[in-house]
């Protein structure tokens, strides 16, 4: 079975600066734009793209393999049975070769000029655990930048490495978005990070579970991620969310149980309060 080959972490030498995991299920119409937004960067040698085909029934796998053939040093493909979003992350994380890792959904893309700037930013970070950037919400007729400090009373200094405890104590940021975050790969491996499988909305886990262990954080004023809000049928569509309410509840329950089980291991009351508020917000959303 395809999943059985990735149950252990790859201990090979880190070969790239940034690994980009692209979960893909029936994304033949969007995958080329997604992948090419990365391939066009002049800093391509620093990047690895791992497309995870989640049992697609269309031409997604064929398109991904074509890119892998043309860009063998950059594009890798994992083909696996359908297991939903979290299973694609779980399949890719053990084998990525980048010092840092970021998720890019196949129906979204990067702002190509911003990618080169972001890679240069990562080169100067000296092993920070978490990097946060603004992102762009793309609607059918308009686009809007959503900054990391959209929920803040203050702006943190760009390029400065902060002890994340300061961020928790300030209370200026209430939560982070998946589109904004990038993690140091070894940090995720050290905590044996995994996402729930078989259900949607596990992107919430990507910006929750690592925060139990992240020690350092930096902010970059680089709007890298272009989030396609306009696509019909995406999981954030209100009609789709209503049909998938049980999955939203399951993700929230998992976060709540994890918090109760692990909060006692945390020495910082401000970190505990920050994580508790995230769970409380999720509960309010689904109730």
C-alpha atoms as a PDB file:
ATOM      1  CA  UNK A   1       0.000   0.000   0.000  1.00  0.00           C
ATOM      2  CA  UNK A   2       1.213   3.506  -0.832  1.00  0.00           C
ATOM      3  CA  UNK A   3       0.944   4.783   2.736  1.00  0.00           C
ATOM      4  CA  UNK A   4       3.159   2.063   4.126  1.00  0.00           C
ATOM      5  CA  UNK A   5       6.298   3.418   2.481  1.00  0.00           C
ATOM      6  CA  UNK A   6       6.261   6.699   4.416  1.00  0.00           C
ATOM      7  CA  UNK A   7       5.761   5.673   8.014  1.00  0.00           C
ATOM      8  CA  UNK A   8       9.346   6.575   8.970  1.00  0.00           C
ATOM      9  CA  UNK A   9      10.955   9.973   8.715  1.00  0.00           C
ATOM     10  CA  UNK A  10      13.569  10.429   6.033  1.00  0.00           C
ATOM     11  CA  UNK A  11      16.898  11.002   7.773  1.00  0.00           C
ATOM     12  CA  UNK A  12      18.727  11.926   4.553  1.00  0.00           C
ATOM     13  CA  UNK A  13      20.722  15.156   4.435  1.00  0.00           C
ATOM     14  CA  UNK A  14      18.624  18.316   4.055  1.00  0.00           C
ATOM     15  CA  UNK A  15      19.004  19.326   0.415  1.00  0.00           C
ATOM     16  CA  UNK A  16      16.599  22.241  -0.044  1.00  0.00           C
ATOM     17  CA  UNK A  17      15.742  25.421   1.778  1.00  0.00           C
ATOM     18  CA  UNK A  18      11.946  25.110   1.405  1.00  0.00           C
ATOM     19  CA  UNK A  19       9.703  22.130   0.778  1.00  0.00           C
ATOM     20  CA  UNK A  20       6.216  22.944  -0.492  1.00  0.00           C
ATOM     21  CA  UNK A  21       3.585  20.261   0.066  1.00  0.00           C
ATOM     22  CA  UNK A  22       0.774  20.410  -2.507  1.00  0.00           C
ATOM     23  CA  UNK A  23      -2.235  18.253  -1.512  1.00  0.00           C
ATOM     24  CA  UNK A  24      -4.224  17.458  -4.662  1.00  0.00           C
ATOM     25  CA  UNK A  25      -7.548  15.730  -5.178  1.00  0.00           C
ATOM     26  CA  UNK A  26      -9.219  16.137  -8.583  1.00  0.00           C
ATOM     27  CA  UNK A  27      -7.327  19.356  -9.222  1.00  0.00           C
ATOM     28  CA  UNK A  28      -6.516  19.007 -12.945  1.00  0.00           C
ATOM     29  CA  UNK A  29      -7.973  22.464 -13.647  1.00  0.00           C
ATOM     30  CA  UNK A  30      -5.868  24.209 -10.982  1.00  0.00           C
ATOM     31  CA  UNK A  31      -2.679  22.222 -10.474  1.00  0.00           C
ATOM     32  CA  UNK A  32      -0.728  23.710 -13.431  1.00  0.00           C
ATOM     33  CA  UNK A  33      -1.207  27.285 -12.221  1.00  0.00           C
ATOM     34  CA  UNK A  34      -0.271  26.224  -8.695  1.00  0.00           C
ATOM     35  CA  UNK A  35       2.942  24.426  -9.647  1.00  0.00           C
ATOM     36  CA  UNK A  36       4.021  26.967 -12.246  1.00  0.00           C
ATOM     37  CA  UNK A  37       3.687  29.813  -9.752  1.00  0.00           C
ATOM     38  CA  UNK A  38       6.598  28.110  -7.991  1.00  0.00           C
ATOM     39  CA  UNK A  39       8.576  26.938 -10.995  1.00  0.00           C
ATOM     40  CA  UNK A  40       8.868  30.466 -12.380  1.00  0.00           C
ATOM     41  CA  UNK A  41      10.970  31.686  -9.459  1.00  0.00           C
ATOM     42  CA  UNK A  42      14.636  32.436 -10.233  1.00  0.00           C
ATOM     43  CA  UNK A  43      15.480  30.781  -6.899  1.00  0.00           C
ATOM     44  CA  UNK A  44      14.143  27.385  -7.958  1.00  0.00           C
ATOM     45  CA  UNK A  45      17.252  25.495  -6.848  1.00  0.00           C
ATOM     46  CA  UNK A  46      16.301  26.216  -3.232  1.00  0.00           C
ATOM     47  CA  UNK A  47      12.799  24.742  -3.581  1.00  0.00           C
ATOM     48  CA  UNK A  48      11.260  21.285  -3.487  1.00  0.00           C
ATOM     49  CA  UNK A  49       7.643  20.688  -4.559  1.00  0.00           C
ATOM     50  CA  UNK A  50       5.966  17.529  -3.236  1.00  0.00           C
ATOM     51  CA  UNK A  51       2.623  16.960  -4.964  1.00  0.00           C
ATOM     52  CA  UNK A  52       0.527  14.417  -3.064  1.00  0.00           C
ATOM     53  CA  UNK A  53      -2.165  12.903  -5.261  1.00  0.00           C
ATOM     54  CA  UNK A  54      -4.950  11.810  -2.926  1.00  0.00           C
ATOM     55  CA  UNK A  55      -6.578   9.174  -5.126  1.00  0.00           C
ATOM     56  CA  UNK A  56      -7.766  11.622  -7.780  1.00  0.00           C
ATOM     57  CA  UNK A  57     -10.140  10.348 -10.462  1.00  0.00           C
ATOM     58  CA  UNK A  58      -9.214  12.959 -13.059  1.00  0.00           C
ATOM     59  CA  UNK A  59      -5.865  13.807 -14.695  1.00  0.00           C
ATOM     60  CA  UNK A  60      -4.253  15.245 -11.563  1.00  0.00           C
ATOM     61  CA  UNK A  61      -1.726  12.421 -11.214  1.00  0.00           C
ATOM     62  CA  UNK A  62      -0.782  12.532 -14.909  1.00  0.00           C
ATOM     63  CA  UNK A  63      -0.186  16.290 -14.734  1.00  0.00           C
ATOM     64  CA  UNK A  64       1.896  15.966 -11.561  1.00  0.00           C
ATOM     65  CA  UNK A  65       4.058  13.234 -13.078  1.00  0.00           C
ATOM     66  CA  UNK A  66       4.635  15.310 -16.184  1.00  0.00           C
ATOM     67  CA  UNK A  67       6.032  18.101 -14.033  1.00  0.00           C
ATOM     68  CA  UNK A  68       8.172  15.594 -12.133  1.00  0.00           C
ATOM     69  CA  UNK A  69       9.652  14.340 -15.400  1.00  0.00           C
ATOM     70  CA  UNK A  70      10.433  17.855 -16.633  1.00  0.00           C
ATOM     71  CA  UNK A  71      11.728  19.155 -13.291  1.00  0.00           C
ATOM     72  CA  UNK A  72      13.271  16.082 -11.707  1.00  0.00           C
ATOM     73  CA  UNK A  73      15.412  18.116  -9.291  1.00  0.00           C
ATOM     74  CA  UNK A  74      12.419  20.056  -8.005  1.00  0.00           C
ATOM     75  CA  UNK A  75       9.119  18.170  -8.297  1.00  0.00           C
ATOM     76  CA  UNK A  76       8.342  14.892  -6.538  1.00  0.00           C
ATOM     77  CA  UNK A  77       5.038  13.010  -6.609  1.00  0.00           C
ATOM     78  CA  UNK A  78       3.432  10.835  -3.970  1.00  0.00           C
ATOM     79  CA  UNK A  79       0.482   8.803  -5.239  1.00  0.00           C
ATOM     80  CA  UNK A  80      -1.750   7.341  -2.546  1.00  0.00           C
ATOM     81  CA  UNK A  81      -5.303   6.134  -1.986  1.00  0.00           C
ATOM     82  CA  UNK A  82      -7.831   8.766  -0.991  1.00  0.00           C
ATOM     83  CA  UNK A  83      -7.564   9.619   2.685  1.00  0.00           C
ATOM     84  CA  UNK A  84      -8.529  13.296   2.704  1.00  0.00           C
ATOM     85  CA  UNK A  85      -6.432  16.348   3.455  1.00  0.00           C
ATOM     86  CA  UNK A  86      -4.579  15.297   6.580  1.00  0.00           C
ATOM     87  CA  UNK A  87      -3.379  12.068   5.027  1.00  0.00           C
ATOM     88  CA  UNK A  88      -1.581  13.992   2.288  1.00  0.00           C
ATOM     89  CA  UNK A  89       0.379  15.989   4.853  1.00  0.00           C
ATOM     90  CA  UNK A  90       1.182  12.831   6.793  1.00  0.00           C
ATOM     91  CA  UNK A  91       2.453  11.159   3.630  1.00  0.00           C
ATOM     92  CA  UNK A  92       4.697  14.070   2.652  1.00  0.00           C
ATOM     93  CA  UNK A  93       6.228  15.243   5.933  1.00  0.00           C
ATOM     94  CA  UNK A  94       8.390  12.158   6.521  1.00  0.00           C
ATOM     95  CA  UNK A  95      10.132  12.498   3.153  1.00  0.00           C
ATOM     96  CA  UNK A  96      10.477  16.240   2.503  1.00  0.00           C
ATOM     97  CA  UNK A  97      14.075  17.478   2.164  1.00  0.00           C
ATOM     98  CA  UNK A  98      13.691  21.166   2.966  1.00  0.00           C
ATOM     99  CA  UNK A  99      14.921  22.979   6.046  1.00  0.00           C
ATOM    100  CA  UNK A 100      11.482  24.628   6.116  1.00  0.00           C
ATOM    101  CA  UNK A 101       8.097  23.340   4.993  1.00  0.00           C
ATOM    102  CA  UNK A 102       4.937  25.102   3.838  1.00  0.00           C
ATOM    103  CA  UNK A 103       1.588  23.864   2.511  1.00  0.00           C
ATOM    104  CA  UNK A 104       0.152  25.190  -0.754  1.00  0.00           C
ATOM    105  CA  UNK A 105      -3.283  23.855  -1.682  1.00  0.00           C
ATOM    106  CA  UNK A 106      -3.535  22.809  -5.330  1.00  0.00           C
ATOM    107  CA  UNK A 107      -6.332  25.291  -6.108  1.00  0.00           C
ATOM    108  CA  UNK A 108      -4.235  28.167  -4.729  1.00  0.00           C
ATOM    109  CA  UNK A 109      -0.896  29.573  -5.863  1.00  0.00           C
ATOM    110  CA  UNK A 110       2.049  31.695  -4.776  1.00  0.00           C
ATOM    111  CA  UNK A 111       2.816  35.209  -5.866  1.00  0.00           C
ATOM    112  CA  UNK A 112       5.939  34.308  -7.852  1.00  0.00           C
ATOM    113  CA  UNK A 113       7.995  37.494  -7.246  1.00  0.00           C
ATOM    114  CA  UNK A 114       7.248  37.191  -3.528  1.00  0.00           C
ATOM    115  CA  UNK A 115       8.573  33.623  -3.433  1.00  0.00           C
ATOM    116  CA  UNK A 116      12.137  34.739  -4.224  1.00  0.00           C
ATOM    117  CA  UNK A 117      11.889  37.357  -1.457  1.00  0.00           C
ATOM    118  CA  UNK A 118      10.533  34.776   0.964  1.00  0.00           C
ATOM    119  CA  UNK A 119      13.365  32.347   0.231  1.00  0.00           C
ATOM    120  CA  UNK A 120      15.910  35.077   0.889  1.00  0.00           C
ATOM    121  CA  UNK A 121      14.117  35.832   4.154  1.00  0.00           C
ATOM    122  CA  UNK A 122      14.356  32.169   5.204  1.00  0.00           C
ATOM    123  CA  UNK A 123      18.089  32.122   4.469  1.00  0.00           C
ATOM    124  CA  UNK A 124      18.568  34.808   7.108  1.00  0.00           C
ATOM    125  CA  UNK A 125      16.437  33.247   9.813  1.00  0.00           C
ATOM    126  CA  UNK A 126      19.024  30.947  11.392  1.00  0.00           C
ATOM    127  CA  UNK A 127      16.694  28.138  12.361  1.00  0.00           C
ATOM    128  CA  UNK A 128      13.617  29.990  13.612  1.00  0.00           C
ATOM    129  CA  UNK A 129      10.772  27.541  14.303  1.00  0.00           C
ATOM    130  CA  UNK A 130       7.906  29.458  12.670  1.00  0.00           C
ATOM    131  CA  UNK A 131       7.686  32.188  10.027  1.00  0.00           C
ATOM    132  CA  UNK A 132       4.483  34.187   9.510  1.00  0.00           C
ATOM    133  CA  UNK A 133       3.586  36.243   6.428  1.00  0.00           C
ATOM    134  CA  UNK A 134       0.565  38.120   5.071  1.00  0.00           C
ATOM    135  CA  UNK A 135      -1.486  36.410   2.353  1.00  0.00           C
ATOM    136  CA  UNK A 136      -3.883  37.456  -0.405  1.00  0.00           C
ATOM    137  CA  UNK A 137      -7.568  36.467  -0.497  1.00  0.00           C
ATOM    138  CA  UNK A 138      -8.570  36.241  -4.159  1.00  0.00           C
ATOM    139  CA  UNK A 139     -12.232  36.676  -5.042  1.00  0.00           C
ATOM    140  CA  UNK A 140     -13.734  36.703  -8.528  1.00  0.00           C
ATOM    141  CA  UNK A 141     -13.342  40.459  -8.998  1.00  0.00           C
ATOM    142  CA  UNK A 142     -11.135  41.688  -6.170  1.00  0.00           C
ATOM    143  CA  UNK A 143      -8.208  40.645  -4.016  1.00  0.00           C
ATOM    144  CA  UNK A 144      -7.370  41.686  -0.469  1.00  0.00           C
ATOM    145  CA  UNK A 145      -4.216  41.384   1.591  1.00  0.00           C
ATOM    146  CA  UNK A 146      -4.675  39.845   5.010  1.00  0.00           C
ATOM    147  CA  UNK A 147      -1.745  40.758   7.252  1.00  0.00           C
ATOM    148  CA  UNK A 148      -0.433  38.727  10.154  1.00  0.00           C
ATOM    149  CA  UNK A 149      -1.279  41.696  12.369  1.00  0.00           C
ATOM    150  CA  UNK A 150      -4.884  41.972  11.174  1.00  0.00           C
ATOM    151  CA  UNK A 151      -5.962  40.851  14.660  1.00  0.00           C
ATOM    152  CA  UNK A 152      -3.250  42.873  16.434  1.00  0.00           C
ATOM    153  CA  UNK A 153      -2.914  46.034  18.400  1.00  0.00           C
ATOM    154  CA  UNK A 154       0.686  46.386  17.287  1.00  0.00           C
ATOM    155  CA  UNK A 155       3.013  45.415  14.453  1.00  0.00           C
ATOM    156  CA  UNK A 156       5.964  43.190  15.244  1.00  0.00           C
ATOM    157  CA  UNK A 157       9.309  44.109  13.757  1.00  0.00           C
ATOM    158  CA  UNK A 158       9.886  42.421  10.412  1.00  0.00           C
ATOM    159  CA  UNK A 159      12.858  40.064  10.346  1.00  0.00           C
ATOM    160  CA  UNK A 160      13.376  39.997  14.102  1.00  0.00           C
ATOM    161  CA  UNK A 161      13.383  36.616  15.819  1.00  0.00           C
ATOM    162  CA  UNK A 162      11.023  36.634  18.810  1.00  0.00           C
ATOM    163  CA  UNK A 163      10.593  34.214  21.650  1.00  0.00           C
ATOM    164  CA  UNK A 164       7.034  33.095  20.968  1.00  0.00           C
ATOM    165  CA  UNK A 165       6.209  33.514  24.647  1.00  0.00           C
ATOM    166  CA  UNK A 166       6.335  37.272  24.049  1.00  0.00           C
ATOM    167  CA  UNK A 167       3.682  36.933  21.331  1.00  0.00           C
ATOM    168  CA  UNK A 168       1.478  34.894  23.636  1.00  0.00           C
ATOM    169  CA  UNK A 169       1.927  37.356  26.496  1.00  0.00           C
ATOM    170  CA  UNK A 170       1.198  40.414  24.354  1.00  0.00           C
ATOM    171  CA  UNK A 171      -2.198  39.079  23.359  1.00  0.00           C
ATOM    172  CA  UNK A 172      -2.080  41.105  20.156  1.00  0.00           C
ATOM    173  CA  UNK A 173      -2.612  38.095  17.873  1.00  0.00           C
ATOM    174  CA  UNK A 174      -5.516  35.758  18.550  1.00  0.00           C
ATOM    175  CA  UNK A 175      -4.698  33.000  16.072  1.00  0.00           C
ATOM    176  CA  UNK A 176      -2.784  32.202  12.898  1.00  0.00           C
ATOM    177  CA  UNK A 177      -4.011  31.121   9.456  1.00  0.00           C
ATOM    178  CA  UNK A 178      -2.685  28.159   7.487  1.00  0.00           C
ATOM    179  CA  UNK A 179      -1.901  30.394   4.500  1.00  0.00           C
ATOM    180  CA  UNK A 180       0.422  32.499   6.661  1.00  0.00           C
ATOM    181  CA  UNK A 181       2.626  29.953   8.373  1.00  0.00           C
ATOM    182  CA  UNK A 182       5.826  28.129   7.532  1.00  0.00           C
ATOM    183  CA  UNK A 183       7.597  25.789   9.948  1.00  0.00           C
ATOM    184  CA  UNK A 184      11.099  24.481  10.432  1.00  0.00           C
ATOM    185  CA  UNK A 185      10.889  20.861   9.319  1.00  0.00           C
ATOM    186  CA  UNK A 186      12.978  19.401  12.138  1.00  0.00           C
ATOM    187  CA  UNK A 187      10.701  21.039  14.690  1.00  0.00           C
ATOM    188  CA  UNK A 188       7.656  19.254  13.235  1.00  0.00           C
ATOM    189  CA  UNK A 189       9.536  15.975  13.092  1.00  0.00           C
ATOM    190  CA  UNK A 190      10.729  16.342  16.658  1.00  0.00           C
ATOM    191  CA  UNK A 191       7.127  16.568  17.882  1.00  0.00           C
ATOM    192  CA  UNK A 192       6.044  13.779  15.478  1.00  0.00           C
ATOM    193  CA  UNK A 193       3.416  16.062  13.985  1.00  0.00           C
ATOM    194  CA  UNK A 194       0.493  14.333  12.271  1.00  0.00           C
ATOM    195  CA  UNK A 195      -2.928  15.493  11.096  1.00  0.00           C
ATOM    196  CA  UNK A 196      -6.254  13.729  11.408  1.00  0.00           C
ATOM    197  CA  UNK A 197      -7.155  11.646   8.376  1.00  0.00           C
ATOM    198  CA  UNK A 198     -10.434  10.888   6.638  1.00  0.00           C
ATOM    199  CA  UNK A 199     -11.996  14.301   7.308  1.00  0.00           C
ATOM    200  CA  UNK A 200     -11.710  17.857   6.002  1.00  0.00           C
ATOM    201  CA  UNK A 201     -10.845  21.087   7.852  1.00  0.00           C
ATOM    202  CA  UNK A 202      -7.648  19.696   9.369  1.00  0.00           C
ATOM    203  CA  UNK A 203      -5.798  22.813   8.205  1.00  0.00           C
ATOM    204  CA  UNK A 204      -6.892  24.107  11.631  1.00  0.00           C
ATOM    205  CA  UNK A 205      -4.589  21.517  13.168  1.00  0.00           C
ATOM    206  CA  UNK A 206      -1.618  22.877  11.179  1.00  0.00           C
ATOM    207  CA  UNK A 207      -1.886  26.175  13.073  1.00  0.00           C
ATOM    208  CA  UNK A 208      -2.723  24.667  16.458  1.00  0.00           C
ATOM    209  CA  UNK A 209      -0.773  21.548  17.441  1.00  0.00           C
ATOM    210  CA  UNK A 210       2.715  22.909  16.575  1.00  0.00           C
ATOM    211  CA  UNK A 211       2.080  25.928  18.821  1.00  0.00           C
ATOM    212  CA  UNK A 212       2.438  23.647  21.834  1.00  0.00           C
ATOM    213  CA  UNK A 213       6.155  23.356  21.055  1.00  0.00           C
ATOM    214  CA  UNK A 214       7.214  26.305  18.854  1.00  0.00           C
ATOM    215  CA  UNK A 215       9.892  28.338  20.640  1.00  0.00           C
ATOM    216  CA  UNK A 216      10.840  31.083  18.163  1.00  0.00           C
ATOM    217  CA  UNK A 217       8.879  33.050  15.573  1.00  0.00           C
ATOM    218  CA  UNK A 218       9.606  35.706  12.947  1.00  0.00           C
ATOM    219  CA  UNK A 219       7.375  37.900  10.778  1.00  0.00           C
ATOM    220  CA  UNK A 220       7.985  38.721   7.120  1.00  0.00           C
ATOM    221  CA  UNK A 221       6.181  41.478   5.238  1.00  0.00           C
ATOM    222  CA  UNK A 222       5.895  39.316   2.102  1.00  0.00           C
ATOM    223  CA  UNK A 223       2.423  38.502   0.733  1.00  0.00           C
ATOM    224  CA  UNK A 224       3.325  35.087  -0.645  1.00  0.00           C
ATOM    225  CA  UNK A 225       0.181  32.933  -0.601  1.00  0.00           C
ATOM    226  CA  UNK A 226      -2.729  33.658  -2.966  1.00  0.00           C
ATOM    227  CA  UNK A 227      -5.816  32.011  -1.448  1.00  0.00           C
ATOM    228  CA  UNK A 228      -8.504  31.261  -4.037  1.00  0.00           C
ATOM    229  CA  UNK A 229     -11.767  32.035  -2.253  1.00  0.00           C
ATOM    230  CA  UNK A 230     -13.727  32.181  -5.510  1.00  0.00           C
ATOM    231  CA  UNK A 231     -13.723  28.476  -6.411  1.00  0.00           C
ATOM    232  CA  UNK A 232     -17.183  26.901  -6.225  1.00  0.00           C
ATOM    233  CA  UNK A 233     -17.422  23.877  -3.959  1.00  0.00           C
ATOM    234  CA  UNK A 234     -14.359  24.552  -1.819  1.00  0.00           C
ATOM    235  CA  UNK A 235     -14.504  23.495   1.813  1.00  0.00           C
ATOM    236  CA  UNK A 236     -14.847  27.071   3.103  1.00  0.00           C
ATOM    237  CA  UNK A 237     -18.016  27.627   1.064  1.00  0.00           C
ATOM    238  CA  UNK A 238     -20.859  28.134   3.585  1.00  0.00           C
ATOM    239  CA  UNK A 239     -23.064  25.510   1.924  1.00  0.00           C
ATOM    240  CA  UNK A 240     -20.231  22.986   1.966  1.00  0.00           C
ATOM    241  CA  UNK A 241     -19.498  23.764   5.620  1.00  0.00           C
ATOM    242  CA  UNK A 242     -23.105  23.143   6.577  1.00  0.00           C
ATOM    243  CA  UNK A 243     -23.034  19.766   4.829  1.00  0.00           C
ATOM    244  CA  UNK A 244     -19.723  18.995   6.550  1.00  0.00           C
ATOM    245  CA  UNK A 245     -20.660  20.180  10.027  1.00  0.00           C
ATOM    246  CA  UNK A 246     -19.876  16.793  11.554  1.00  0.00           C
ATOM    247  CA  UNK A 247     -16.309  17.030  10.231  1.00  0.00           C
ATOM    248  CA  UNK A 248     -15.900  20.541  11.624  1.00  0.00           C
ATOM    249  CA  UNK A 249     -17.104  19.252  14.987  1.00  0.00           C
ATOM    250  CA  UNK A 250     -14.723  16.271  14.845  1.00  0.00           C
ATOM    251  CA  UNK A 251     -11.703  18.507  14.221  1.00  0.00           C
ATOM    252  CA  UNK A 252     -12.749  20.806  17.073  1.00  0.00           C
ATOM    253  CA  UNK A 253     -13.274  17.874  19.433  1.00  0.00           C
ATOM    254  CA  UNK A 254      -9.834  16.543  18.574  1.00  0.00           C
ATOM    255  CA  UNK A 255      -8.249  19.911  19.313  1.00  0.00           C
ATOM    256  CA  UNK A 256     -10.124  20.167  22.607  1.00  0.00           C
ATOM    257  CA  UNK A 257      -9.104  16.688  23.734  1.00  0.00           C
ATOM    258  CA  UNK A 258      -5.486  17.355  22.772  1.00  0.00           C
ATOM    259  CA  UNK A 259      -5.502  20.600  24.726  1.00  0.00           C
ATOM    260  CA  UNK A 260      -6.880  18.957  27.861  1.00  0.00           C
ATOM    261  CA  UNK A 261      -4.317  16.152  27.621  1.00  0.00           C
ATOM    262  CA  UNK A 262      -1.281  18.334  26.927  1.00  0.00           C
ATOM    263  CA  UNK A 263      -1.881  21.728  28.553  1.00  0.00           C
ATOM    264  CA  UNK A 264      -0.555  20.362  31.836  1.00  0.00           C
ATOM    265  CA  UNK A 265       2.844  19.782  30.183  1.00  0.00           C
ATOM    266  CA  UNK A 266       3.207  23.491  29.394  1.00  0.00           C
ATOM    267  CA  UNK A 267       5.042  25.734  31.837  1.00  0.00           C
ATOM    268  CA  UNK A 268       3.774  29.004  30.365  1.00  0.00           C
ATOM    269  CA  UNK A 269       0.349  30.199  31.452  1.00  0.00           C
ATOM    270  CA  UNK A 270       0.248  32.655  28.540  1.00  0.00           C
ATOM    271  CA  UNK A 271       0.759  29.803  26.042  1.00  0.00           C
ATOM    272  CA  UNK A 272      -1.972  27.796  27.747  1.00  0.00           C
ATOM    273  CA  UNK A 273      -4.328  30.778  27.593  1.00  0.00           C
ATOM    274  CA  UNK A 274      -3.558  31.392  23.912  1.00  0.00           C
ATOM    275  CA  UNK A 275      -4.256  27.762  22.974  1.00  0.00           C
ATOM    276  CA  UNK A 276      -7.363  27.629  25.173  1.00  0.00           C
ATOM    277  CA  UNK A 277      -8.773  30.664  23.368  1.00  0.00           C
ATOM    278  CA  UNK A 278      -8.202  29.009  19.990  1.00  0.00           C
ATOM    279  CA  UNK A 279     -10.206  25.985  21.114  1.00  0.00           C
ATOM    280  CA  UNK A 280     -12.923  28.206  22.565  1.00  0.00           C
ATOM    281  CA  UNK A 281     -13.201  30.120  19.282  1.00  0.00           C
ATOM    282  CA  UNK A 282     -13.540  26.860  17.340  1.00  0.00           C
ATOM    283  CA  UNK A 283     -16.255  25.666  19.722  1.00  0.00           C
ATOM    284  CA  UNK A 284     -18.204  28.920  19.217  1.00  0.00           C
ATOM    285  CA  UNK A 285     -17.962  28.494  15.435  1.00  0.00           C
ATOM    286  CA  UNK A 286     -19.425  24.977  15.382  1.00  0.00           C
ATOM    287  CA  UNK A 287     -22.041  25.472  18.089  1.00  0.00           C
END
